[in-house]
Amino acid sequence: MANTELKSDNLFEMMKAHLASDAGKELTKKIGLVYQINIAPKKIGFDEVSYIVDLKKGEVTKGKFEGGKPDAIFSFKDDDFMKVATGKMNPQIAFMRGAMKIKGSLSAAQKFTPDIFPKPAKM
């Protein structure tokens, strides 16, 4: 397993704080799904780092989902994930271009929008 620093690592750290906030708690109530997000440095399927975004409990954890199956699993390259999470790329377009792969419930996947991510502070 390559131990590379991913751009998305910071976003997931911000997401932990975001889910602990009031806005994050509202999100948890509204969505109530569990997503596994696999991030690859260069090519989907290779050296992936998995994160669980649990919008039932309001937690973000690193590693594969344990205890059943997540509602949807997404696979991205690091750069493409950052584009989708920051709203620079539409998730549907990312999917059609092959920049995002989805397994699991499509109805759960449709609730996966840039709105669930904290907005990075403007530089």
PDB file of N, CA and C in Angstrom:
ATOM      1  N   MET A   1       0.850  -1.204   0.000  1.00  0.00           N
ATOM      2  CA  MET A   1       0.000   0.000   0.000  1.00  0.00           C
ATOM      3  C   MET A   1       0.879   1.245   0.000  1.00  0.00           C
ATOM      4  N   ALA A   2       0.707   2.044  -0.994  1.00  0.00           N
ATOM      5  CA  ALA A   2       1.490   3.273  -1.076  1.00  0.00           C
ATOM      6  C   ALA A   2       0.972   4.249  -0.025  1.00  0.00           C
ATOM      7  N   ASN A   3       1.868   4.880   0.661  1.00  0.00           N
ATOM      8  CA  ASN A   3       1.450   5.842   1.684  1.00  0.00           C
ATOM      9  C   ASN A   3       1.660   7.241   1.128  1.00  0.00           C
ATOM     10  N   THR A   4       0.754   7.653   0.268  1.00  0.00           N
ATOM     11  CA  THR A   4       0.885   8.955  -0.368  1.00  0.00           C
ATOM     12  C   THR A   4      -0.072   9.931   0.289  1.00  0.00           C
ATOM     13  N   GLU A   5       0.308  11.172   0.268  1.00  0.00           N
ATOM     14  CA  GLU A   5      -0.539  12.238   0.794  1.00  0.00           C
ATOM     15  C   GLU A   5      -1.534  12.616  -0.292  1.00  0.00           C
ATOM     16  N   LEU A   6      -2.803  12.485  -0.009  1.00  0.00           N
ATOM     17  CA  LEU A   6      -3.836  12.833  -0.972  1.00  0.00           C
ATOM     18  C   LEU A   6      -4.380  14.221  -0.657  1.00  0.00           C
ATOM     19  N   LYS A   7      -4.740  14.951  -1.685  1.00  0.00           N
ATOM     20  CA  LYS A   7      -5.366  16.263  -1.476  1.00  0.00           C
ATOM     21  C   LYS A   7      -6.663  16.114  -0.699  1.00  0.00           C
ATOM     22  N   SER A   8      -7.352  15.012  -0.964  1.00  0.00           N
ATOM     23  CA  SER A   8      -8.649  14.808  -0.328  1.00  0.00           C
ATOM     24  C   SER A   8      -8.549  14.477   1.163  1.00  0.00           C
ATOM     25  N   ASP A   9      -7.369  14.069   1.655  1.00  0.00           N
ATOM     26  CA  ASP A   9      -7.215  13.787   3.092  1.00  0.00           C
ATOM     27  C   ASP A   9      -7.650  14.994   3.927  1.00  0.00           C
ATOM     28  N   ASN A  10      -7.224  16.192   3.506  1.00  0.00           N
ATOM     29  CA  ASN A  10      -7.576  17.412   4.249  1.00  0.00           C
ATOM     30  C   ASN A  10      -9.076  17.664   4.235  1.00  0.00           C
ATOM     31  N   LEU A  11      -9.703  17.388   3.093  1.00  0.00           N
ATOM     32  CA  LEU A  11     -11.150  17.598   2.981  1.00  0.00           C
ATOM     33  C   LEU A  11     -11.900  16.688   3.954  1.00  0.00           C
ATOM     34  N   PHE A  12     -11.444  15.436   4.063  1.00  0.00           N
ATOM     35  CA  PHE A  12     -12.109  14.519   5.000  1.00  0.00           C
ATOM     36  C   PHE A  12     -11.896  14.957   6.449  1.00  0.00           C
ATOM     37  N   GLU A  13     -10.736  15.544   6.742  1.00  0.00           N
ATOM     38  CA  GLU A  13     -10.508  16.083   8.093  1.00  0.00           C
ATOM     39  C   GLU A  13     -11.471  17.231   8.370  1.00  0.00           C
ATOM     40  N   MET A  14     -11.664  18.111   7.383  1.00  0.00           N
ATOM     41  CA  MET A  14     -12.614  19.226   7.543  1.00  0.00           C
ATOM     42  C   MET A  14     -14.037  18.692   7.684  1.00  0.00           C
ATOM     43  N   MET A  15     -14.310  17.602   6.982  1.00  0.00           N
ATOM     44  CA  MET A  15     -15.655  17.013   7.018  1.00  0.00           C
ATOM     45  C   MET A  15     -15.999  16.518   8.422  1.00  0.00           C
ATOM     46  N   LYS A  16     -14.989  15.990   9.140  1.00  0.00           N
ATOM     47  CA  LYS A  16     -15.234  15.526  10.522  1.00  0.00           C
ATOM     48  C   LYS A  16     -15.760  16.675  11.377  1.00  0.00           C
ATOM     49  N   ALA A  17     -15.114  17.824  11.277  1.00  0.00           N
ATOM     50  CA  ALA A  17     -15.541  19.001  12.048  1.00  0.00           C
ATOM     51  C   ALA A  17     -16.907  19.487  11.556  1.00  0.00           C
ATOM     52  N   HIS A  18     -17.093  19.451  10.243  1.00  0.00           N
ATOM     53  CA  HIS A  18     -18.362  19.899   9.640  1.00  0.00           C
ATOM     54  C   HIS A  18     -19.538  19.068  10.159  1.00  0.00           C
ATOM     55  N   LEU A  19     -19.357  17.744  10.249  1.00  0.00           N
ATOM     56  CA  LEU A  19     -20.455  16.884  10.704  1.00  0.00           C
ATOM     57  C   LEU A  19     -20.765  17.079  12.185  1.00  0.00           C
ATOM     58  N   ALA A  20     -19.801  17.569  12.940  1.00  0.00           N
ATOM     59  CA  ALA A  20     -20.030  17.836  14.363  1.00  0.00           C
ATOM     60  C   ALA A  20     -20.780  19.154  14.574  1.00  0.00           C
ATOM     61  N   SER A  21     -20.829  19.999  13.531  1.00  0.00           N
ATOM     62  CA  SER A  21     -21.508  21.294  13.651  1.00  0.00           C
ATOM     63  C   SER A  21     -23.021  21.118  13.496  1.00  0.00           C
ATOM     64  N   ASP A  22     -23.767  22.189  13.739  1.00  0.00           N
ATOM     65  CA  ASP A  22     -25.228  22.135  13.588  1.00  0.00           C
ATOM     66  C   ASP A  22     -25.617  21.826  12.149  1.00  0.00           C
ATOM     67  N   ALA A  23     -24.914  22.433  11.191  1.00  0.00           N
ATOM     68  CA  ALA A  23     -25.214  22.189   9.773  1.00  0.00           C
ATOM     69  C   ALA A  23     -24.979  20.714   9.448  1.00  0.00           C
ATOM     70  N   GLY A  24     -23.925  20.152  10.020  1.00  0.00           N
ATOM     71  CA  GLY A  24     -23.620  18.740   9.802  1.00  0.00           C
ATOM     72  C   GLY A  24     -24.674  17.833  10.401  1.00  0.00           C
ATOM     73  N   LYS A  25     -25.192  18.212  11.564  1.00  0.00           N
ATOM     74  CA  LYS A  25     -26.234  17.406  12.217  1.00  0.00           C
ATOM     75  C   LYS A  25     -27.522  17.422  11.389  1.00  0.00           C
ATOM     76  N   GLU A  26     -27.829  18.559  10.783  1.00  0.00           N
ATOM     77  CA  GLU A  26     -28.996  18.659   9.894  1.00  0.00           C
ATOM     78  C   GLU A  26     -28.827  17.728   8.697  1.00  0.00           C
ATOM     79  N   LEU A  27     -27.621  17.716   8.161  1.00  0.00           N
ATOM     80  CA  LEU A  27     -27.292  16.859   7.020  1.00  0.00           C
ATOM     81  C   LEU A  27     -27.493  15.389   7.368  1.00  0.00           C
ATOM     82  N   THR A  28     -27.026  15.011   8.548  1.00  0.00           N
ATOM     83  CA  THR A  28     -27.154  13.628   9.003  1.00  0.00           C
ATOM     84  C   THR A  28     -28.625  13.233   9.085  1.00  0.00           C
ATOM     85  N   LYS A  29     -29.448  14.137   9.637  1.00  0.00           N
ATOM     86  CA  LYS A  29     -30.886  13.867   9.732  1.00  0.00           C
ATOM     87  C   LYS A  29     -31.519  13.742   8.354  1.00  0.00           C
ATOM     88  N   LYS A  30     -31.113  14.635   7.445  1.00  0.00           N
ATOM     89  CA  LYS A  30     -31.719  14.702   6.120  1.00  0.00           C
ATOM     90  C   LYS A  30     -31.329  13.513   5.238  1.00  0.00           C
ATOM     91  N   ILE A  31     -30.061  13.108   5.264  1.00  0.00           N
ATOM     92  CA  ILE A  31     -29.586  12.088   4.318  1.00  0.00           C
ATOM     93  C   ILE A  31     -29.633  10.686   4.912  1.00  0.00           C
ATOM     94  N   GLY A  32     -29.031  10.485   6.088  1.00  0.00           N
ATOM     95  CA  GLY A  32     -29.131   9.196   6.771  1.00  0.00           C
ATOM     96  C   GLY A  32     -28.602   8.001   5.988  1.00  0.00           C
ATOM     97  N   LEU A  33     -27.519   8.192   5.233  1.00  0.00           N
ATOM     98  CA  LEU A  33     -26.941   7.106   4.439  1.00  0.00           C
ATOM     99  C   LEU A  33     -25.457   6.953   4.772  1.00  0.00           C
ATOM    100  N   VAL A  34     -24.902   5.809   4.389  1.00  0.00           N
ATOM    101  CA  VAL A  34     -23.476   5.558   4.607  1.00  0.00           C
ATOM    102  C   VAL A  34     -22.805   5.419   3.238  1.00  0.00           C
ATOM    103  N   TYR A  35     -21.762   6.222   3.028  1.00  0.00           N
ATOM    104  CA  TYR A  35     -21.004   6.178   1.780  1.00  0.00           C
ATOM    105  C   TYR A  35     -19.584   5.707   2.050  1.00  0.00           C
ATOM    106  N   GLN A  36     -19.079   4.861   1.162  1.00  0.00           N
ATOM    107  CA  GLN A  36     -17.651   4.541   1.181  1.00  0.00           C
ATOM    108  C   GLN A  36     -17.060   5.230  -0.034  1.00  0.00           C
ATOM    109  N   ILE A  37     -16.000   5.988   0.191  1.00  0.00           N
ATOM    110  CA  ILE A  37     -15.366   6.717  -0.901  1.00  0.00           C
ATOM    111  C   ILE A  37     -13.931   6.211  -1.025  1.00  0.00           C
ATOM    112  N   ASN A  38     -13.629   5.646  -2.180  1.00  0.00           N
ATOM    113  CA  ASN A  38     -12.289   5.139  -2.451  1.00  0.00           C
ATOM    114  C   ASN A  38     -11.561   6.175  -3.306  1.00  0.00           C
ATOM    115  N   ILE A  39     -10.411   6.619  -2.815  1.00  0.00           N
ATOM    116  CA  ILE A  39      -9.642   7.646  -3.513  1.00  0.00           C
ATOM    117  C   ILE A  39      -8.321   7.036  -3.967  1.00  0.00           C
ATOM    118  N   ALA A  40      -8.048   7.158  -5.256  1.00  0.00           N
ATOM    119  CA  ALA A  40      -6.794   6.651  -5.816  1.00  0.00           C
ATOM    120  C   ALA A  40      -5.915   7.825  -6.221  1.00  0.00           C
ATOM    121  N   PRO A  41      -4.607   7.745  -5.950  1.00  0.00           N
ATOM    122  CA  PRO A  41      -3.728   8.867  -6.318  1.00  0.00           C
ATOM    123  C   PRO A  41      -3.715   9.129  -7.832  1.00  0.00           C
ATOM    124  N   LYS A  42      -3.620   8.082  -8.643  1.00  0.00           N
ATOM    125  CA  LYS A  42      -3.473   8.263 -10.095  1.00  0.00           C
ATOM    126  C   LYS A  42      -4.538   7.531 -10.913  1.00  0.00           C
ATOM    127  N   LYS A  43      -4.824   6.279 -10.574  1.00  0.00           N
ATOM    128  CA  LYS A  43      -5.721   5.469 -11.396  1.00  0.00           C
ATOM    129  C   LYS A  43      -6.697   4.729 -10.491  1.00  0.00           C
ATOM    130  N   ILE A  44      -7.996   4.819 -10.813  1.00  0.00           N
ATOM    131  CA  ILE A  44      -9.028   4.147 -10.026  1.00  0.00           C
ATOM    132  C   ILE A  44      -8.702   2.655  -9.939  1.00  0.00           C
ATOM    133  N   GLY A  45      -8.779   2.126  -8.717  1.00  0.00           N
ATOM    134  CA  GLY A  45      -8.534   0.703  -8.510  1.00  0.00           C
ATOM    135  C   GLY A  45      -7.127   0.387  -8.033  1.00  0.00           C
ATOM    136  N   PHE A  46      -6.232   1.374  -8.023  1.00  0.00           N
ATOM    137  CA  PHE A  46      -4.850   1.140  -7.608  1.00  0.00           C
ATOM    138  C   PHE A  46      -4.493   2.030  -6.423  1.00  0.00           C
ATOM    139  N   ASP A  47      -3.904   1.431  -5.392  1.00  0.00           N
ATOM    140  CA  ASP A  47      -3.446   2.170  -4.196  1.00  0.00           C
ATOM    141  C   ASP A  47      -4.541   3.036  -3.588  1.00  0.00           C
ATOM    142  N   GLU A  48      -5.765   2.532  -3.611  1.00  0.00           N
ATOM    143  CA  GLU A  48      -6.884   3.347  -3.116  1.00  0.00           C
ATOM    144  C   GLU A  48      -6.867   3.470  -1.595  1.00  0.00           C
ATOM    145  N   VAL A  49      -7.273   4.622  -1.130  1.00  0.00           N
ATOM    146  CA  VAL A  49      -7.494   4.877   0.288  1.00  0.00           C
ATOM    147  C   VAL A  49      -9.005   5.001   0.445  1.00  0.00           C
ATOM    148  N   SER A  50      -9.565   4.274   1.409  1.00  0.00           N
ATOM    149  CA  SER A  50     -11.021   4.304   1.599  1.00  0.00           C
ATOM    150  C   SER A  50     -11.393   5.177   2.794  1.00  0.00           C
ATOM    151  N   TYR A  51     -12.462   5.907   2.626  1.00  0.00           N
ATOM    152  CA  TYR A  51     -13.055   6.680   3.712  1.00  0.00           C
ATOM    153  C   TYR A  51     -14.523   6.299   3.808  1.00  0.00           C
ATOM    154  N   ILE A  52     -15.024   6.259   5.024  1.00  0.00           N
ATOM    155  CA  ILE A  52     -16.449   6.049   5.246  1.00  0.00           C
ATOM    156  C   ILE A  52     -17.028   7.387   5.701  1.00  0.00           C
ATOM    157  N   VAL A  53     -18.012   7.869   4.946  1.00  0.00           N
ATOM    158  CA  VAL A  53     -18.754   9.062   5.344  1.00  0.00           C
ATOM    159  C   VAL A  53     -20.102   8.540   5.819  1.00  0.00           C
ATOM    160  N   ASP A  54     -20.247   8.447   7.138  1.00  0.00           N
ATOM    161  CA  ASP A  54     -21.443   7.870   7.754  1.00  0.00           C
ATOM    162  C   ASP A  54     -22.404   8.997   8.105  1.00  0.00           C
ATOM    163  N   LEU A  55     -23.413   9.176   7.251  1.00  0.00           N
ATOM    164  CA  LEU A  55     -24.389  10.238   7.489  1.00  0.00           C
ATOM    165  C   LEU A  55     -25.592   9.703   8.255  1.00  0.00           C
ATOM    166  N   LYS A  56     -25.397   8.567   8.947  1.00  0.00           N
ATOM    167  CA  LYS A  56     -26.378   8.109   9.934  1.00  0.00           C
ATOM    168  C   LYS A  56     -25.871   8.524  11.307  1.00  0.00           C
ATOM    169  N   LYS A  57     -24.577   8.264  11.551  1.00  0.00           N
ATOM    170  CA  LYS A  57     -23.967   8.599  12.839  1.00  0.00           C
ATOM    171  C   LYS A  57     -23.289   9.964  12.834  1.00  0.00           C
ATOM    172  N   GLY A  58     -23.051  10.499  11.642  1.00  0.00           N
ATOM    173  CA  GLY A  58     -22.347  11.779  11.551  1.00  0.00           C
ATOM    174  C   GLY A  58     -20.857  11.633  11.784  1.00  0.00           C
ATOM    175  N   GLU A  59     -20.243  10.620  11.171  1.00  0.00           N
ATOM    176  CA  GLU A  59     -18.815  10.366  11.368  1.00  0.00           C
ATOM    177  C   GLU A  59     -18.110  10.190  10.030  1.00  0.00           C
ATOM    178  N   VAL A  60     -16.822  10.495  10.052  1.00  0.00           N
ATOM    179  CA  VAL A  60     -15.957  10.196   8.908  1.00  0.00           C
ATOM    180  C   VAL A  60     -14.808   9.363   9.448  1.00  0.00           C
ATOM    181  N   THR A  61     -14.580   8.193   8.845  1.00  0.00           N
ATOM    182  CA  THR A  61     -13.487   7.334   9.293  1.00  0.00           C
ATOM    183  C   THR A  61     -12.697   6.865   8.083  1.00  0.00           C
ATOM    184  N   LYS A  62     -11.419   6.597   8.335  1.00  0.00           N
ATOM    185  CA  LYS A  62     -10.555   6.097   7.272  1.00  0.00           C
ATOM    186  C   LYS A  62     -10.585   4.579   7.346  1.00  0.00           C
ATOM    187  N   GLY A  63     -10.673   3.925   6.193  1.00  0.00           N
ATOM    188  CA  GLY A  63     -10.703   2.469   6.161  1.00  0.00           C
ATOM    189  C   GLY A  63     -11.999   1.978   5.543  1.00  0.00           C
ATOM    190  N   LYS A  64     -12.056   0.689   5.290  1.00  0.00           N
ATOM    191  CA  LYS A  64     -13.244   0.088   4.666  1.00  0.00           C
ATOM    192  C   LYS A  64     -14.387   0.014   5.667  1.00  0.00           C
ATOM    193  N   PHE A  65     -15.608  -0.049   5.156  1.00  0.00           N
ATOM    194  CA  PHE A  65     -16.802  -0.131   5.995  1.00  0.00           C
ATOM    195  C   PHE A  65     -16.905  -1.523   6.605  1.00  0.00           C
ATOM    196  N   GLU A  66     -17.167  -1.572   7.900  1.00  0.00           N
ATOM    197  CA  GLU A  66     -17.338  -2.856   8.580  1.00  0.00           C
ATOM    198  C   GLU A  66     -18.750  -2.931   9.122  1.00  0.00           C
ATOM    199  N   GLY A  67     -19.312  -4.118   9.112  1.00  0.00           N
ATOM    200  CA  GLY A  67     -20.665  -4.283   9.632  1.00  0.00           C
ATOM    201  C   GLY A  67     -21.693  -4.082   8.545  1.00  0.00           C
ATOM    202  N   GLY A  68     -21.632  -4.910   7.507  1.00  0.00           N
ATOM    203  CA  GLY A  68     -22.609  -4.787   6.429  1.00  0.00           C
ATOM    204  C   GLY A  68     -22.023  -4.078   5.233  1.00  0.00           C
ATOM    205  N   LYS A  69     -22.929  -3.515   4.447  1.00  0.00           N
ATOM    206  CA  LYS A  69     -22.499  -2.813   3.237  1.00  0.00           C
ATOM    207  C   LYS A  69     -22.888  -1.348   3.336  1.00  0.00           C
ATOM    208  N   PRO A  70     -22.033  -0.465   2.821  1.00  0.00           N
ATOM    209  CA  PRO A  70     -22.447   0.943   2.743  1.00  0.00           C
ATOM    210  C   PRO A  70     -23.576   1.076   1.716  1.00  0.00           C
ATOM    211  N   ASP A  71     -24.341   2.159   1.800  1.00  0.00           N
ATOM    212  CA  ASP A  71     -25.438   2.377   0.854  1.00  0.00           C
ATOM    213  C   ASP A  71     -24.916   2.563  -0.570  1.00  0.00           C
ATOM    214  N   ALA A  72     -23.776   3.219  -0.707  1.00  0.00           N
ATOM    215  CA  ALA A  72     -23.168   3.395  -2.024  1.00  0.00           C
ATOM    216  C   ALA A  72     -21.657   3.503  -1.851  1.00  0.00           C
ATOM    217  N   ILE A  73     -20.932   2.990  -2.851  1.00  0.00           N
ATOM    218  CA  ILE A  73     -19.468   3.065  -2.858  1.00  0.00           C
ATOM    219  C   ILE A  73     -19.059   3.864  -4.093  1.00  0.00           C
ATOM    220  N   PHE A  74     -18.225   4.860  -3.873  1.00  0.00           N
ATOM    221  CA  PHE A  74     -17.728   5.696  -4.965  1.00  0.00           C
ATOM    222  C   PHE A  74     -16.234   5.495  -5.096  1.00  0.00           C
ATOM    223  N   SER A  75     -15.750   5.479  -6.332  1.00  0.00           N
ATOM    224  CA  SER A  75     -14.313   5.433  -6.585  1.00  0.00           C
ATOM    225  C   SER A  75     -13.948   6.617  -7.465  1.00  0.00           C
ATOM    226  N   PHE A  76     -12.874   7.304  -7.056  1.00  0.00           N
ATOM    227  CA  PHE A  76     -12.405   8.505  -7.750  1.00  0.00           C
ATOM    228  C   PHE A  76     -10.882   8.504  -7.805  1.00  0.00           C
ATOM    229  N   LYS A  77     -10.349   9.283  -8.742  1.00  0.00           N
ATOM    230  CA  LYS A  77      -8.954   9.704  -8.626  1.00  0.00           C
ATOM    231  C   LYS A  77      -8.995  10.921  -7.704  1.00  0.00           C
ATOM    232  N   ASP A  78      -7.911  11.150  -7.001  1.00  0.00           N
ATOM    233  CA  ASP A  78      -7.841  12.246  -6.028  1.00  0.00           C
ATOM    234  C   ASP A  78      -8.279  13.581  -6.640  1.00  0.00           C
ATOM    235  N   ASP A  79      -7.713  13.946  -7.799  1.00  0.00           N
ATOM    236  CA  ASP A  79      -8.041  15.240  -8.423  1.00  0.00           C
ATOM    237  C   ASP A  79      -9.518  15.343  -8.778  1.00  0.00           C
ATOM    238  N   ASP A  80     -10.075  14.254  -9.331  1.00  0.00           N
ATOM    239  CA  ASP A  80     -11.490  14.281  -9.726  1.00  0.00           C
ATOM    240  C   ASP A  80     -12.402  14.386  -8.505  1.00  0.00           C
ATOM    241  N   PHE A  81     -12.027  13.712  -7.420  1.00  0.00           N
ATOM    242  CA  PHE A  81     -12.831  13.809  -6.194  1.00  0.00           C
ATOM    243  C   PHE A  81     -12.861  15.254  -5.698  1.00  0.00           C
ATOM    244  N   MET A  82     -11.703  15.904  -5.707  1.00  0.00           N
ATOM    245  CA  MET A  82     -11.643  17.292  -5.242  1.00  0.00           C
ATOM    246  C   MET A  82     -12.528  18.192  -6.109  1.00  0.00           C
ATOM    247  N   LYS A  83     -12.546  17.947  -7.424  1.00  0.00           N
ATOM    248  CA  LYS A  83     -13.395  18.749  -8.321  1.00  0.00           C
ATOM    249  C   LYS A  83     -14.869  18.556  -7.985  1.00  0.00           C
ATOM    250  N   VAL A  84     -15.275  17.313  -7.747  1.00  0.00           N
ATOM    251  CA  VAL A  84     -16.686  17.044  -7.435  1.00  0.00           C
ATOM    252  C   VAL A  84     -17.040  17.625  -6.061  1.00  0.00           C
ATOM    253  N   ALA A  85     -16.182  17.387  -5.061  1.00  0.00           N
ATOM    254  CA  ALA A  85     -16.463  17.831  -3.691  1.00  0.00           C
ATOM    255  C   ALA A  85     -16.511  19.351  -3.566  1.00  0.00           C
ATOM    256  N   THR A  86     -15.743  20.045  -4.401  1.00  0.00           N
ATOM    257  CA  THR A  86     -15.735  21.509  -4.324  1.00  0.00           C
ATOM    258  C   THR A  86     -16.709  22.145  -5.305  1.00  0.00           C
ATOM    259  N   GLY A  87     -17.473  21.298  -6.013  1.00  0.00           N
ATOM    260  CA  GLY A  87     -18.493  21.824  -6.914  1.00  0.00           C
ATOM    261  C   GLY A  87     -17.962  22.268  -8.267  1.00  0.00           C
ATOM    262  N   LYS A  88     -16.684  21.937  -8.575  1.00  0.00           N
ATOM    263  CA  LYS A  88     -16.116  22.335  -9.866  1.00  0.00           C
ATOM    264  C   LYS A  88     -16.504  21.354 -10.974  1.00  0.00           C
ATOM    265  N   MET A  89     -16.935  20.143 -10.574  1.00  0.00           N
ATOM    266  CA  MET A  89     -17.394  19.166 -11.560  1.00  0.00           C
ATOM    267  C   MET A  89     -18.705  18.573 -11.061  1.00  0.00           C
ATOM    268  N   ASN A  90     -19.697  18.539 -11.932  1.00  0.00           N
ATOM    269  CA  ASN A  90     -20.992  17.963 -11.599  1.00  0.00           C
ATOM    270  C   ASN A  90     -20.841  16.447 -11.431  1.00  0.00           C
ATOM    271  N   PRO A  91     -21.395  15.851 -10.348  1.00  0.00           N
ATOM    272  CA  PRO A  91     -21.261  14.401 -10.134  1.00  0.00           C
ATOM    273  C   PRO A  91     -21.779  13.562 -11.308  1.00  0.00           C
ATOM    274  N   GLN A  92     -22.867  13.995 -11.948  1.00  0.00           N
ATOM    275  CA  GLN A  92     -23.388  13.223 -13.090  1.00  0.00           C
ATOM    276  C   GLN A  92     -22.398  13.235 -14.251  1.00  0.00           C
ATOM    277  N   ILE A  93     -21.779  14.390 -14.481  1.00  0.00           N
ATOM    278  CA  ILE A  93     -20.796  14.490 -15.566  1.00  0.00           C
ATOM    279  C   ILE A  93     -19.572  13.653 -15.222  1.00  0.00           C
ATOM    280  N   ALA A  94     -19.151  13.695 -13.959  1.00  0.00           N
ATOM    281  CA  ALA A  94     -18.008  12.878 -13.529  1.00  0.00           C
ATOM    282  C   ALA A  94     -18.291  11.396 -13.787  1.00  0.00           C
ATOM    283  N   PHE A  95     -19.512  10.973 -13.493  1.00  0.00           N
ATOM    284  CA  PHE A  95     -19.900   9.579 -13.706  1.00  0.00           C
ATOM    285  C   PHE A  95     -19.881   9.234 -15.205  1.00  0.00           C
ATOM    286  N   MET A  96     -20.463  10.106 -16.019  1.00  0.00           N
ATOM    287  CA  MET A  96     -20.534   9.829 -17.457  1.00  0.00           C
ATOM    288  C   MET A  96     -19.148   9.798 -18.101  1.00  0.00           C
ATOM    289  N   ARG A  97     -18.232  10.606 -17.584  1.00  0.00           N
ATOM    290  CA  ARG A  97     -16.869  10.636 -18.129  1.00  0.00           C
ATOM    291  C   ARG A  97     -16.006   9.493 -17.596  1.00  0.00           C
ATOM    292  N   GLY A  98     -16.529   8.745 -16.623  1.00  0.00           N
ATOM    293  CA  GLY A  98     -15.735   7.670 -16.031  1.00  0.00           C
ATOM    294  C   GLY A  98     -14.802   8.157 -14.940  1.00  0.00           C
ATOM    295  N   ALA A  99     -14.953   9.420 -14.514  1.00  0.00           N
ATOM    296  CA  ALA A  99     -14.119   9.975 -13.452  1.00  0.00           C
ATOM    297  C   ALA A  99     -14.614   9.522 -12.082  1.00  0.00           C
ATOM    298  N   MET A 100     -15.831   8.962 -12.043  1.00  0.00           N
ATOM    299  CA  MET A 100     -16.414   8.477 -10.788  1.00  0.00           C
ATOM    300  C   MET A 100     -17.090   7.155 -11.086  1.00  0.00           C
ATOM    301  N   LYS A 101     -16.800   6.151 -10.283  1.00  0.00           N
ATOM    302  CA  LYS A 101     -17.464   4.856 -10.428  1.00  0.00           C
ATOM    303  C   LYS A 101     -18.351   4.655  -9.201  1.00  0.00           C
ATOM    304  N   ILE A 102     -19.525   4.047  -9.418  1.00  0.00           N
ATOM    305  CA  ILE A 102     -20.489   3.868  -8.331  1.00  0.00           C
ATOM    306  C   ILE A 102     -20.887   2.406  -8.234  1.00  0.00           C
ATOM    307  N   LYS A 103     -20.930   1.902  -6.984  1.00  0.00           N
ATOM    308  CA  LYS A 103     -21.512   0.582  -6.716  1.00  0.00           C
ATOM    309  C   LYS A 103     -22.554   0.782  -5.629  1.00  0.00           C
ATOM    310  N   GLY A 104     -23.591  -0.026  -5.662  1.00  0.00           N
ATOM    311  CA  GLY A 104     -24.603   0.077  -4.613  1.00  0.00           C
ATOM    312  C   GLY A 104     -25.856   0.768  -5.124  1.00  0.00           C
ATOM    313  N   SER A 105     -26.596   1.352  -4.205  1.00  0.00           N
ATOM    314  CA  SER A 105     -27.895   1.950  -4.491  1.00  0.00           C
ATOM    315  C   SER A 105     -27.761   3.247  -5.293  1.00  0.00           C
ATOM    316  N   LEU A 106     -28.401   3.296  -6.448  1.00  0.00           N
ATOM    317  CA  LEU A 106     -28.361   4.532  -7.241  1.00  0.00           C
ATOM    318  C   LEU A 106     -29.161   5.646  -6.590  1.00  0.00           C
ATOM    319  N   SER A 107     -30.242   5.299  -5.896  1.00  0.00           N
ATOM    320  CA  SER A 107     -31.005   6.355  -5.228  1.00  0.00           C
ATOM    321  C   SER A 107     -30.172   6.966  -4.094  1.00  0.00           C
ATOM    322  N   ALA A 108     -29.380   6.133  -3.404  1.00  0.00           N
ATOM    323  CA  ALA A 108     -28.474   6.666  -2.373  1.00  0.00           C
ATOM    324  C   ALA A 108     -27.384   7.506  -3.031  1.00  0.00           C
ATOM    325  N   ALA A 109     -26.894   7.043  -4.178  1.00  0.00           N
ATOM    326  CA  ALA A 109     -25.832   7.767  -4.878  1.00  0.00           C
ATOM    327  C   ALA A 109     -26.297   9.143  -5.336  1.00  0.00           C
ATOM    328  N   GLN A 110     -27.580   9.282  -5.679  1.00  0.00           N
ATOM    329  CA  GLN A 110     -28.089  10.572  -6.141  1.00  0.00           C
ATOM    330  C   GLN A 110     -28.126  11.615  -5.027  1.00  0.00           C
ATOM    331  N   LYS A 111     -28.087  11.170  -3.778  1.00  0.00           N
ATOM    332  CA  LYS A 111     -28.070  12.127  -2.661  1.00  0.00           C
ATOM    333  C   LYS A 111     -26.645  12.581  -2.349  1.00  0.00           C
ATOM    334  N   PHE A 112     -25.679  11.986  -3.046  1.00  0.00           N
ATOM    335  CA  PHE A 112     -24.271  12.339  -2.870  1.00  0.00           C
ATOM    336  C   PHE A 112     -23.988  13.552  -3.743  1.00  0.00           C
ATOM    337  N   THR A 113     -24.035  14.730  -3.152  1.00  0.00           N
ATOM    338  CA  THR A 113     -23.843  15.974  -3.895  1.00  0.00           C
ATOM    339  C   THR A 113     -22.758  16.806  -3.219  1.00  0.00           C
ATOM    340  N   PRO A 114     -22.228  17.805  -3.905  1.00  0.00           N
ATOM    341  CA  PRO A 114     -21.213  18.662  -3.277  1.00  0.00           C
ATOM    342  C   PRO A 114     -21.723  19.339  -2.000  1.00  0.00           C
ATOM    343  N   ASP A 115     -23.051  19.432  -1.831  1.00  0.00           N
ATOM    344  CA  ASP A 115     -23.624  20.076  -0.636  1.00  0.00           C
ATOM    345  C   ASP A 115     -23.245  19.368   0.658  1.00  0.00           C
ATOM    346  N   ILE A 116     -22.908  18.063   0.584  1.00  0.00           N
ATOM    347  CA  ILE A 116     -22.596  17.364   1.840  1.00  0.00           C
ATOM    348  C   ILE A 116     -21.197  17.692   2.340  1.00  0.00           C
ATOM    349  N   PHE A 117     -20.382  18.332   1.494  1.00  0.00           N
ATOM    350  CA  PHE A 117     -19.011  18.645   1.898  1.00  0.00           C
ATOM    351  C   PHE A 117     -18.913  20.058   2.425  1.00  0.00           C
ATOM    352  N   PRO A 118     -18.017  20.275   3.390  1.00  0.00           N
ATOM    353  CA  PRO A 118     -17.808  21.641   3.875  1.00  0.00           C
ATOM    354  C   PRO A 118     -17.189  22.480   2.763  1.00  0.00           C
ATOM    355  N   LYS A 119     -17.507  23.736   2.749  1.00  0.00           N
ATOM    356  CA  LYS A 119     -16.928  24.609   1.732  1.00  0.00           C
ATOM    357  C   LYS A 119     -15.549  25.042   2.223  1.00  0.00           C
ATOM    358  N   PRO A 120     -14.500  24.764   1.439  1.00  0.00           N
ATOM    359  CA  PRO A 120     -13.160  25.215   1.875  1.00  0.00           C
ATOM    360  C   PRO A 120     -13.142  26.748   1.938  1.00  0.00           C
ATOM    361  N   ALA A 121     -12.454  27.264   2.918  1.00  0.00           N
ATOM    362  CA  ALA A 121     -12.369  28.724   3.065  1.00  0.00           C
ATOM    363  C   ALA A 121     -11.693  29.304   1.833  1.00  0.00           C
ATOM    364  N   LYS A 122     -12.167  30.461   1.423  1.00  0.00           N
ATOM    365  CA  LYS A 122     -11.572  31.121   0.263  1.00  0.00           C
ATOM    366  C   LYS A 122     -10.159  31.554   0.624  1.00  0.00           C
ATOM    367  N   MET A 123      -9.258  31.324  -0.296  1.00  0.00           N
ATOM    368  CA  MET A 123      -7.856  31.692  -0.039  1.00  0.00           C
ATOM    369  C   MET A 123      -7.675  33.197  -0.177  1.00  0.00           C
TER     370      MET A 123
END
